[in-house]
Amino acid sequence: MNMGAFTNVDSPINFNFNALQAIKPETSISDEESGASISIRVPKSPGQALASKPAKSLRTEVLRCTNKLEKILAEKETESFASRSRENAVTATGEVDTVRYGYVLEVRQLVGVRGVGKSYGGYYYVKQVTHRIKRGEYKQSFTLIREGQGATIQRLEV
């Protein structure tokens, strides 16, 4: 976007930052022998960070589905919940001219966004794609997601 002859989006990309999207889960399990409640810490996400400033968890939610699970399964469930809540903090929607872009967007693929400033430039995951094909035209409406603002790299590969 805003890249002169290299621009391949037809209309401006719309960005939305939802500061309340990220949720910190509180989880505990019951010790079978003593019946005591054991608190589960939220593990660090092993996934690739796409944002230099991930959204902070401003809300807390108690997960009730983990009480009867073993510790490892409860940790995995907690990690998965935290990761899912963070990944949609920033969403971008727009339409790309696939012929000019030279590739077909696919769900779950990484895509680079340039020309939109430091807060929103960088890599995103493709969450949703809708194809619109007419004679002599191929366009895709898309929804992109990532966990926060700011790019993790200074320059995107062309």
N, C-alpha and C. Protein backbone atom coordinates (compact mmCIF):
# COMPACT_ATOMS: atom_id res chain seq x y z
N MET A 1 0.85 -1.17 0.00
CA MET A 1 0.00 0.00 0.00
C MET A 1 0.89 1.24 0.00
N ASN A 2 0.50 2.27 -0.70
CA ASN A 2 1.26 3.53 -0.77
C ASN A 2 2.68 3.32 -1.28
N MET A 3 2.84 2.39 -2.23
CA MET A 3 4.18 2.07 -2.75
C MET A 3 4.31 2.42 -4.23
N GLY A 4 3.52 3.38 -4.71
CA GLY A 4 3.60 3.80 -6.11
C GLY A 4 3.24 2.67 -7.06
N ALA A 5 4.11 2.40 -8.01
CA ALA A 5 3.86 1.35 -9.00
C ALA A 5 3.83 -0.04 -8.39
N PHE A 6 4.38 -0.19 -7.18
CA PHE A 6 4.41 -1.50 -6.52
C PHE A 6 3.17 -1.75 -5.67
N THR A 7 2.27 -0.80 -5.59
CA THR A 7 1.04 -0.98 -4.82
C THR A 7 0.18 -2.04 -5.49
N ASN A 8 -0.29 -3.02 -4.72
CA ASN A 8 -1.13 -4.07 -5.30
C ASN A 8 -2.47 -4.23 -4.57
N VAL A 9 -2.79 -3.32 -3.66
CA VAL A 9 -4.11 -3.34 -3.03
C VAL A 9 -4.98 -2.30 -3.72
N ASP A 10 -6.26 -2.61 -3.91
CA ASP A 10 -7.14 -1.71 -4.64
C ASP A 10 -7.72 -0.60 -3.78
N SER A 11 -7.93 -0.87 -2.52
CA SER A 11 -8.45 0.13 -1.60
C SER A 11 -7.58 0.11 -0.35
N PRO A 12 -7.61 1.16 0.44
CA PRO A 12 -6.76 1.17 1.64
C PRO A 12 -7.04 -0.03 2.55
N ILE A 13 -6.00 -0.53 3.17
CA ILE A 13 -6.16 -1.60 4.15
C ILE A 13 -6.66 -0.97 5.44
N ASN A 14 -7.68 -1.56 6.03
CA ASN A 14 -8.24 -1.06 7.29
C ASN A 14 -7.67 -1.88 8.44
N PHE A 15 -7.11 -1.22 9.43
CA PHE A 15 -6.51 -1.87 10.59
C PHE A 15 -7.37 -1.63 11.81
N ASN A 16 -7.45 -2.65 12.68
CA ASN A 16 -8.20 -2.55 13.92
C ASN A 16 -7.34 -3.14 15.04
N PHE A 17 -7.07 -2.35 16.06
CA PHE A 17 -6.34 -2.83 17.24
C PHE A 17 -7.32 -2.94 18.38
N ASN A 18 -7.56 -4.17 18.84
CA ASN A 18 -8.48 -4.42 19.94
C ASN A 18 -7.67 -4.65 21.21
N ALA A 19 -7.56 -3.62 22.03
CA ALA A 19 -6.74 -3.69 23.24
C ALA A 19 -7.29 -4.68 24.26
N LEU A 20 -8.56 -5.02 24.18
CA LEU A 20 -9.17 -5.95 25.15
C LEU A 20 -9.20 -7.38 24.64
N GLN A 21 -8.61 -7.65 23.48
CA GLN A 21 -8.63 -9.00 22.91
C GLN A 21 -7.78 -9.98 23.70
N ALA A 22 -6.60 -9.57 24.12
CA ALA A 22 -5.69 -10.47 24.83
C ALA A 22 -6.21 -10.74 26.25
N ILE A 23 -6.32 -12.02 26.59
CA ILE A 23 -6.84 -12.42 27.90
C ILE A 23 -5.79 -13.27 28.61
N LYS A 24 -5.57 -12.97 29.88
CA LYS A 24 -4.67 -13.78 30.69
C LYS A 24 -5.52 -14.84 31.40
N PRO A 25 -5.29 -16.11 31.07
CA PRO A 25 -6.09 -17.15 31.72
C PRO A 25 -5.57 -17.47 33.12
N GLU A 26 -6.48 -17.72 34.04
CA GLU A 26 -6.14 -18.23 35.36
C GLU A 26 -6.63 -19.66 35.41
N THR A 27 -5.72 -20.57 35.72
CA THR A 27 -6.04 -21.98 35.67
C THR A 27 -5.52 -22.68 36.91
N SER A 28 -6.29 -23.65 37.36
CA SER A 28 -5.82 -24.49 38.46
C SER A 28 -6.35 -25.90 38.25
N ILE A 29 -5.64 -26.84 38.86
CA ILE A 29 -6.08 -28.23 38.82
C ILE A 29 -6.19 -28.73 40.26
N SER A 30 -6.92 -29.81 40.44
CA SER A 30 -7.07 -30.39 41.78
C SER A 30 -6.11 -31.55 41.96
N ASP A 31 -5.37 -31.54 43.06
CA ASP A 31 -4.50 -32.66 43.39
C ASP A 31 -5.40 -33.80 43.86
N GLU A 32 -5.28 -34.96 43.21
CA GLU A 32 -6.16 -36.09 43.51
C GLU A 32 -5.98 -36.62 44.93
N GLU A 33 -4.75 -36.58 45.45
CA GLU A 33 -4.48 -37.13 46.78
C GLU A 33 -4.95 -36.21 47.88
N SER A 34 -4.57 -34.94 47.81
CA SER A 34 -4.89 -34.02 48.90
C SER A 34 -6.14 -33.19 48.63
N GLY A 35 -6.56 -33.08 47.38
CA GLY A 35 -7.71 -32.25 47.04
C GLY A 35 -7.37 -30.78 46.97
N ALA A 36 -6.08 -30.44 47.16
CA ALA A 36 -5.65 -29.04 47.11
C ALA A 36 -5.66 -28.53 45.68
N SER A 37 -5.85 -27.25 45.55
CA SER A 37 -5.85 -26.60 44.26
C SER A 37 -4.43 -26.17 43.90
N ILE A 38 -3.97 -26.57 42.70
CA ILE A 38 -2.63 -26.22 42.23
C ILE A 38 -2.78 -25.24 41.08
N SER A 39 -2.20 -24.06 41.22
CA SER A 39 -2.29 -23.02 40.20
C SER A 39 -1.34 -23.36 39.04
N ILE A 40 -1.82 -23.13 37.82
CA ILE A 40 -1.03 -23.38 36.61
C ILE A 40 -0.59 -22.02 36.06
N ARG A 41 0.71 -21.88 35.83
CA ARG A 41 1.22 -20.64 35.24
C ARG A 41 1.01 -20.65 33.73
N VAL A 42 0.88 -19.47 33.19
CA VAL A 42 0.73 -19.34 31.74
C VAL A 42 2.10 -19.46 31.10
N PRO A 43 2.34 -20.54 30.34
CA PRO A 43 3.64 -20.69 29.69
C PRO A 43 3.82 -19.67 28.58
N LYS A 44 5.06 -19.38 28.26
CA LYS A 44 5.38 -18.46 27.16
C LYS A 44 5.03 -19.14 25.84
N SER A 45 4.44 -18.40 24.94
CA SER A 45 4.04 -18.96 23.66
C SER A 45 5.26 -19.36 22.82
N PRO A 46 5.27 -20.59 22.29
CA PRO A 46 6.41 -21.03 21.49
C PRO A 46 6.36 -20.54 20.05
N GLY A 47 5.25 -19.93 19.64
CA GLY A 47 5.09 -19.52 18.26
C GLY A 47 5.98 -18.34 17.88
N GLN A 48 6.06 -18.09 16.60
CA GLN A 48 6.86 -17.00 16.06
C GLN A 48 6.15 -15.68 16.34
N ALA A 49 6.85 -14.74 16.98
CA ALA A 49 6.29 -13.42 17.24
C ALA A 49 6.34 -12.59 15.97
N LEU A 50 5.21 -12.00 15.59
CA LEU A 50 5.15 -11.17 14.41
C LEU A 50 5.13 -9.69 14.76
N ALA A 51 4.88 -9.36 16.02
CA ALA A 51 4.81 -7.96 16.46
C ALA A 51 5.87 -7.68 17.51
N SER A 52 6.48 -6.50 17.42
CA SER A 52 7.49 -6.13 18.41
C SER A 52 6.86 -5.68 19.72
N LYS A 53 5.60 -5.23 19.67
CA LYS A 53 4.87 -4.82 20.88
C LYS A 53 3.57 -5.62 20.97
N PRO A 54 3.64 -6.85 21.52
CA PRO A 54 2.42 -7.65 21.63
C PRO A 54 1.40 -6.97 22.56
N ALA A 55 0.14 -7.22 22.29
CA ALA A 55 -0.92 -6.66 23.13
C ALA A 55 -0.80 -7.20 24.54
N LYS A 56 -0.94 -6.32 25.52
CA LYS A 56 -0.90 -6.73 26.92
C LYS A 56 -2.26 -7.30 27.32
N SER A 57 -2.23 -8.28 28.19
CA SER A 57 -3.47 -8.88 28.67
C SER A 57 -4.09 -7.96 29.72
N LEU A 58 -5.16 -7.29 29.35
CA LEU A 58 -5.84 -6.37 30.26
C LEU A 58 -7.01 -7.03 30.97
N ARG A 59 -7.39 -8.22 30.52
CA ARG A 59 -8.49 -8.96 31.14
C ARG A 59 -7.99 -10.30 31.64
N THR A 60 -8.67 -10.84 32.62
CA THR A 60 -8.35 -12.16 33.17
C THR A 60 -9.61 -13.02 33.10
N GLU A 61 -9.41 -14.29 32.75
CA GLU A 61 -10.54 -15.22 32.69
C GLU A 61 -10.14 -16.52 33.36
N VAL A 62 -11.03 -17.03 34.22
CA VAL A 62 -10.78 -18.29 34.90
C VAL A 62 -11.22 -19.43 33.98
N LEU A 63 -10.30 -20.33 33.68
CA LEU A 63 -10.63 -21.49 32.84
C LEU A 63 -11.14 -22.60 33.74
N ARG A 64 -12.35 -22.99 33.53
CA ARG A 64 -12.96 -24.03 34.36
C ARG A 64 -12.81 -25.42 33.74
N CYS A 65 -12.41 -25.48 32.47
CA CYS A 65 -12.32 -26.76 31.77
C CYS A 65 -11.07 -27.55 32.13
N THR A 66 -10.17 -27.00 32.94
CA THR A 66 -8.89 -27.66 33.22
C THR A 66 -8.84 -28.31 34.60
N ASN A 67 -9.84 -28.16 35.41
CA ASN A 67 -9.80 -28.62 36.80
C ASN A 67 -9.50 -30.10 36.95
N LYS A 68 -10.04 -30.93 36.10
CA LYS A 68 -9.87 -32.39 36.21
C LYS A 68 -8.75 -32.93 35.32
N LEU A 69 -8.01 -32.05 34.64
CA LEU A 69 -6.94 -32.50 33.75
C LEU A 69 -5.64 -32.74 34.50
N GLU A 70 -4.75 -33.52 33.88
CA GLU A 70 -3.40 -33.67 34.41
C GLU A 70 -2.66 -32.36 34.18
N LYS A 71 -1.56 -32.16 34.91
CA LYS A 71 -0.86 -30.89 34.88
C LYS A 71 -0.39 -30.51 33.47
N ILE A 72 0.20 -31.44 32.74
CA ILE A 72 0.71 -31.14 31.41
C ILE A 72 -0.42 -30.76 30.46
N LEU A 73 -1.53 -31.47 30.52
CA LEU A 73 -2.66 -31.13 29.66
C LEU A 73 -3.27 -29.78 30.04
N ALA A 74 -3.31 -29.48 31.31
CA ALA A 74 -3.82 -28.18 31.77
C ALA A 74 -2.91 -27.05 31.29
N GLU A 75 -1.60 -27.27 31.33
CA GLU A 75 -0.66 -26.26 30.83
C GLU A 75 -0.85 -26.03 29.35
N LYS A 76 -1.02 -27.10 28.59
CA LYS A 76 -1.22 -26.98 27.14
C LYS A 76 -2.52 -26.25 26.82
N GLU A 77 -3.58 -26.55 27.54
CA GLU A 77 -4.86 -25.89 27.34
C GLU A 77 -4.76 -24.41 27.67
N THR A 78 -4.05 -24.07 28.74
CA THR A 78 -3.85 -22.68 29.14
C THR A 78 -3.04 -21.93 28.10
N GLU A 79 -1.97 -22.55 27.62
CA GLU A 79 -1.12 -21.95 26.59
C GLU A 79 -1.91 -21.71 25.31
N SER A 80 -2.72 -22.69 24.92
CA SER A 80 -3.51 -22.58 23.71
C SER A 80 -4.53 -21.44 23.82
N PHE A 81 -5.20 -21.35 24.96
CA PHE A 81 -6.18 -20.29 25.18
C PHE A 81 -5.53 -18.91 25.11
N ALA A 82 -4.39 -18.76 25.80
CA ALA A 82 -3.68 -17.47 25.81
C ALA A 82 -3.23 -17.09 24.40
N SER A 83 -2.71 -18.06 23.66
CA SER A 83 -2.23 -17.82 22.31
C SER A 83 -3.38 -17.40 21.38
N ARG A 84 -4.51 -18.10 21.47
CA ARG A 84 -5.66 -17.76 20.63
C ARG A 84 -6.19 -16.37 20.93
N SER A 85 -6.18 -15.99 22.19
CA SER A 85 -6.73 -14.67 22.54
C SER A 85 -5.79 -13.55 22.09
N ARG A 86 -4.49 -13.79 22.08
CA ARG A 86 -3.53 -12.77 21.68
C ARG A 86 -3.44 -12.60 20.17
N GLU A 87 -3.58 -13.69 19.43
CA GLU A 87 -3.28 -13.63 18.00
C GLU A 87 -4.19 -12.71 17.21
N ASN A 88 -5.35 -12.37 17.72
CA ASN A 88 -6.28 -11.52 16.99
C ASN A 88 -6.30 -10.08 17.47
N ALA A 89 -5.26 -9.63 18.18
CA ALA A 89 -5.27 -8.27 18.70
C ALA A 89 -5.30 -7.24 17.59
N VAL A 90 -4.60 -7.48 16.50
CA VAL A 90 -4.62 -6.58 15.35
C VAL A 90 -5.18 -7.34 14.16
N THR A 91 -6.20 -6.76 13.54
CA THR A 91 -6.75 -7.34 12.32
C THR A 91 -6.65 -6.30 11.21
N ALA A 92 -6.41 -6.78 10.02
CA ALA A 92 -6.33 -5.92 8.84
C ALA A 92 -7.23 -6.50 7.76
N THR A 93 -8.01 -5.66 7.13
CA THR A 93 -8.88 -6.12 6.04
C THR A 93 -8.63 -5.26 4.81
N GLY A 94 -8.77 -5.87 3.67
CA GLY A 94 -8.57 -5.14 2.42
C GLY A 94 -8.81 -6.04 1.23
N GLU A 95 -8.43 -5.55 0.07
CA GLU A 95 -8.61 -6.29 -1.17
C GLU A 95 -7.34 -6.15 -2.00
N VAL A 96 -6.85 -7.27 -2.51
CA VAL A 96 -5.63 -7.27 -3.30
C VAL A 96 -5.96 -7.70 -4.74
N ASP A 97 -5.30 -7.05 -5.67
CA ASP A 97 -5.38 -7.45 -7.08
C ASP A 97 -4.36 -8.58 -7.25
N THR A 98 -4.83 -9.79 -7.33
CA THR A 98 -3.97 -10.97 -7.34
C THR A 98 -3.05 -10.99 -8.55
N VAL A 99 -3.51 -10.44 -9.68
CA VAL A 99 -2.67 -10.41 -10.88
C VAL A 99 -1.46 -9.52 -10.63
N ARG A 100 -1.66 -8.33 -10.06
CA ARG A 100 -0.53 -7.44 -9.75
C ARG A 100 0.34 -7.99 -8.63
N TYR A 101 -0.29 -8.63 -7.64
CA TYR A 101 0.45 -9.20 -6.50
C TYR A 101 1.33 -10.36 -6.94
N GLY A 102 0.83 -11.17 -7.86
CA GLY A 102 1.63 -12.28 -8.41
C GLY A 102 1.50 -13.58 -7.65
N TYR A 103 0.74 -13.60 -6.58
CA TYR A 103 0.54 -14.81 -5.77
C TYR A 103 -0.92 -14.89 -5.37
N VAL A 104 -1.34 -16.08 -4.97
CA VAL A 104 -2.67 -16.28 -4.43
C VAL A 104 -2.54 -16.39 -2.92
N LEU A 105 -3.28 -15.55 -2.18
CA LEU A 105 -3.26 -15.63 -0.72
C LEU A 105 -3.93 -16.92 -0.27
N GLU A 106 -3.35 -17.55 0.74
CA GLU A 106 -3.92 -18.77 1.31
C GLU A 106 -4.01 -18.62 2.82
N VAL A 107 -5.04 -19.18 3.39
CA VAL A 107 -5.25 -19.13 4.84
C VAL A 107 -4.06 -19.78 5.54
N ARG A 108 -3.67 -19.23 6.67
CA ARG A 108 -2.57 -19.67 7.54
C ARG A 108 -1.19 -19.39 6.97
N GLN A 109 -1.08 -18.65 5.88
CA GLN A 109 0.22 -18.31 5.34
C GLN A 109 0.64 -16.94 5.88
N LEU A 110 1.96 -16.70 5.89
CA LEU A 110 2.48 -15.39 6.27
C LEU A 110 2.47 -14.49 5.06
N VAL A 111 2.12 -13.22 5.28
CA VAL A 111 2.13 -12.25 4.20
C VAL A 111 2.69 -10.93 4.77
N GLY A 112 3.49 -10.27 3.95
CA GLY A 112 4.08 -9.00 4.37
C GLY A 112 3.24 -7.83 3.93
N VAL A 113 3.16 -6.81 4.81
CA VAL A 113 2.42 -5.58 4.50
C VAL A 113 3.42 -4.43 4.61
N ARG A 114 3.52 -3.66 3.53
CA ARG A 114 4.44 -2.51 3.51
C ARG A 114 3.68 -1.24 3.16
N GLY A 115 4.27 -0.10 3.54
CA GLY A 115 3.70 1.18 3.16
C GLY A 115 2.59 1.66 4.06
N VAL A 116 2.45 1.08 5.26
CA VAL A 116 1.37 1.47 6.17
C VAL A 116 1.89 2.04 7.49
N GLY A 117 3.19 2.29 7.59
CA GLY A 117 3.75 2.86 8.81
C GLY A 117 4.34 1.82 9.73
N LYS A 118 5.05 2.29 10.76
CA LYS A 118 5.76 1.40 11.68
C LYS A 118 4.84 0.57 12.57
N SER A 119 3.70 1.12 12.95
CA SER A 119 2.81 0.40 13.86
C SER A 119 2.19 -0.83 13.22
N TYR A 120 1.85 -0.73 11.94
CA TYR A 120 1.11 -1.82 11.31
C TYR A 120 1.85 -2.53 10.19
N GLY A 121 3.01 -2.05 9.79
CA GLY A 121 3.79 -2.74 8.78
C GLY A 121 4.39 -4.02 9.34
N GLY A 122 4.74 -4.96 8.46
CA GLY A 122 5.37 -6.21 8.89
C GLY A 122 4.58 -7.42 8.43
N TYR A 123 4.85 -8.53 9.07
CA TYR A 123 4.21 -9.79 8.68
C TYR A 123 2.93 -10.04 9.46
N TYR A 124 1.99 -10.72 8.78
CA TYR A 124 0.70 -11.11 9.35
C TYR A 124 0.38 -12.53 8.91
N TYR A 125 -0.49 -13.18 9.66
CA TYR A 125 -1.07 -14.45 9.22
C TYR A 125 -2.36 -14.15 8.47
N VAL A 126 -2.59 -14.88 7.38
CA VAL A 126 -3.84 -14.75 6.65
C VAL A 126 -4.89 -15.58 7.38
N LYS A 127 -5.95 -14.92 7.83
CA LYS A 127 -7.02 -15.60 8.57
C LYS A 127 -8.16 -16.02 7.64
N GLN A 128 -8.51 -15.15 6.69
CA GLN A 128 -9.64 -15.43 5.81
C GLN A 128 -9.39 -14.81 4.45
N VAL A 129 -9.82 -15.51 3.40
CA VAL A 129 -9.69 -15.01 2.03
C VAL A 129 -10.97 -15.32 1.27
N THR A 130 -11.45 -14.33 0.54
CA THR A 130 -12.59 -14.53 -0.35
C THR A 130 -12.14 -14.19 -1.77
N HIS A 131 -12.37 -15.08 -2.71
CA HIS A 131 -11.94 -14.91 -4.10
C HIS A 131 -13.08 -14.33 -4.92
N ARG A 132 -12.74 -13.38 -5.80
CA ARG A 132 -13.71 -12.80 -6.71
C ARG A 132 -13.09 -12.83 -8.10
N ILE A 133 -13.64 -13.69 -8.94
CA ILE A 133 -13.08 -13.89 -10.28
C ILE A 133 -14.10 -13.44 -11.31
N LYS A 134 -13.65 -12.55 -12.18
CA LYS A 134 -14.44 -12.10 -13.33
C LYS A 134 -13.56 -12.22 -14.56
N ARG A 135 -14.14 -12.06 -15.71
CA ARG A 135 -13.36 -12.11 -16.95
C ARG A 135 -12.29 -11.01 -16.90
N GLY A 136 -11.02 -11.41 -16.98
CA GLY A 136 -9.91 -10.47 -16.97
C GLY A 136 -9.57 -9.90 -15.61
N GLU A 137 -10.13 -10.46 -14.53
CA GLU A 137 -9.91 -9.89 -13.20
C GLU A 137 -9.91 -11.00 -12.14
N TYR A 138 -8.99 -10.90 -11.21
CA TYR A 138 -8.94 -11.85 -10.08
C TYR A 138 -8.55 -11.05 -8.84
N LYS A 139 -9.49 -10.88 -7.95
CA LYS A 139 -9.25 -10.12 -6.72
C LYS A 139 -9.56 -10.99 -5.51
N GLN A 140 -8.89 -10.67 -4.42
CA GLN A 140 -9.10 -11.39 -3.17
C GLN A 140 -9.34 -10.39 -2.04
N SER A 141 -10.44 -10.56 -1.32
CA SER A 141 -10.66 -9.83 -0.09
C SER A 141 -10.03 -10.65 1.02
N PHE A 142 -9.36 -10.00 1.96
CA PHE A 142 -8.62 -10.75 2.96
C PHE A 142 -8.81 -10.17 4.36
N THR A 143 -8.56 -11.02 5.34
CA THR A 143 -8.45 -10.62 6.73
C THR A 143 -7.13 -11.17 7.24
N LEU A 144 -6.30 -10.28 7.78
CA LEU A 144 -4.99 -10.65 8.33
C LEU A 144 -5.02 -10.44 9.84
N ILE A 145 -4.21 -11.23 10.57
CA ILE A 145 -4.15 -11.09 12.02
C ILE A 145 -2.72 -11.16 12.52
N ARG A 146 -2.49 -10.53 13.67
CA ARG A 146 -1.24 -10.70 14.40
C ARG A 146 -1.47 -10.24 15.83
N GLU A 147 -0.49 -10.49 16.69
CA GLU A 147 -0.68 -10.34 18.13
C GLU A 147 -0.41 -8.96 18.70
N GLY A 148 -0.04 -7.99 17.90
CA GLY A 148 0.23 -6.66 18.43
C GLY A 148 0.71 -5.71 17.35
N GLN A 149 1.27 -4.58 17.78
CA GLN A 149 1.73 -3.55 16.87
C GLN A 149 3.25 -3.58 16.72
N GLY A 150 3.72 -2.97 15.65
CA GLY A 150 5.17 -2.88 15.40
C GLY A 150 5.72 -4.12 14.75
N ALA A 151 6.55 -3.92 13.74
CA ALA A 151 7.15 -5.04 13.02
C ALA A 151 8.35 -5.60 13.81
N THR A 152 8.62 -6.88 13.66
CA THR A 152 9.78 -7.51 14.31
C THR A 152 11.02 -7.39 13.43
N ILE A 153 10.83 -7.00 12.18
CA ILE A 153 11.96 -6.82 11.26
C ILE A 153 11.87 -5.42 10.65
N GLN A 154 13.01 -4.88 10.25
CA GLN A 154 13.04 -3.52 9.71
C GLN A 154 12.64 -3.45 8.25
N ARG A 155 12.93 -4.53 7.50
CA ARG A 155 12.69 -4.50 6.06
C ARG A 155 12.12 -5.82 5.60
N LEU A 156 11.01 -5.77 4.86
CA LEU A 156 10.39 -6.96 4.31
C LEU A 156 11.08 -7.35 3.02
N GLU A 157 11.17 -8.66 2.77
CA GLU A 157 11.72 -9.15 1.51
C GLU A 157 10.70 -8.90 0.41
N VAL A 158 11.19 -8.55 -0.75
CA VAL A 158 10.29 -8.27 -1.89
C VAL A 158 9.87 -9.55 -2.55
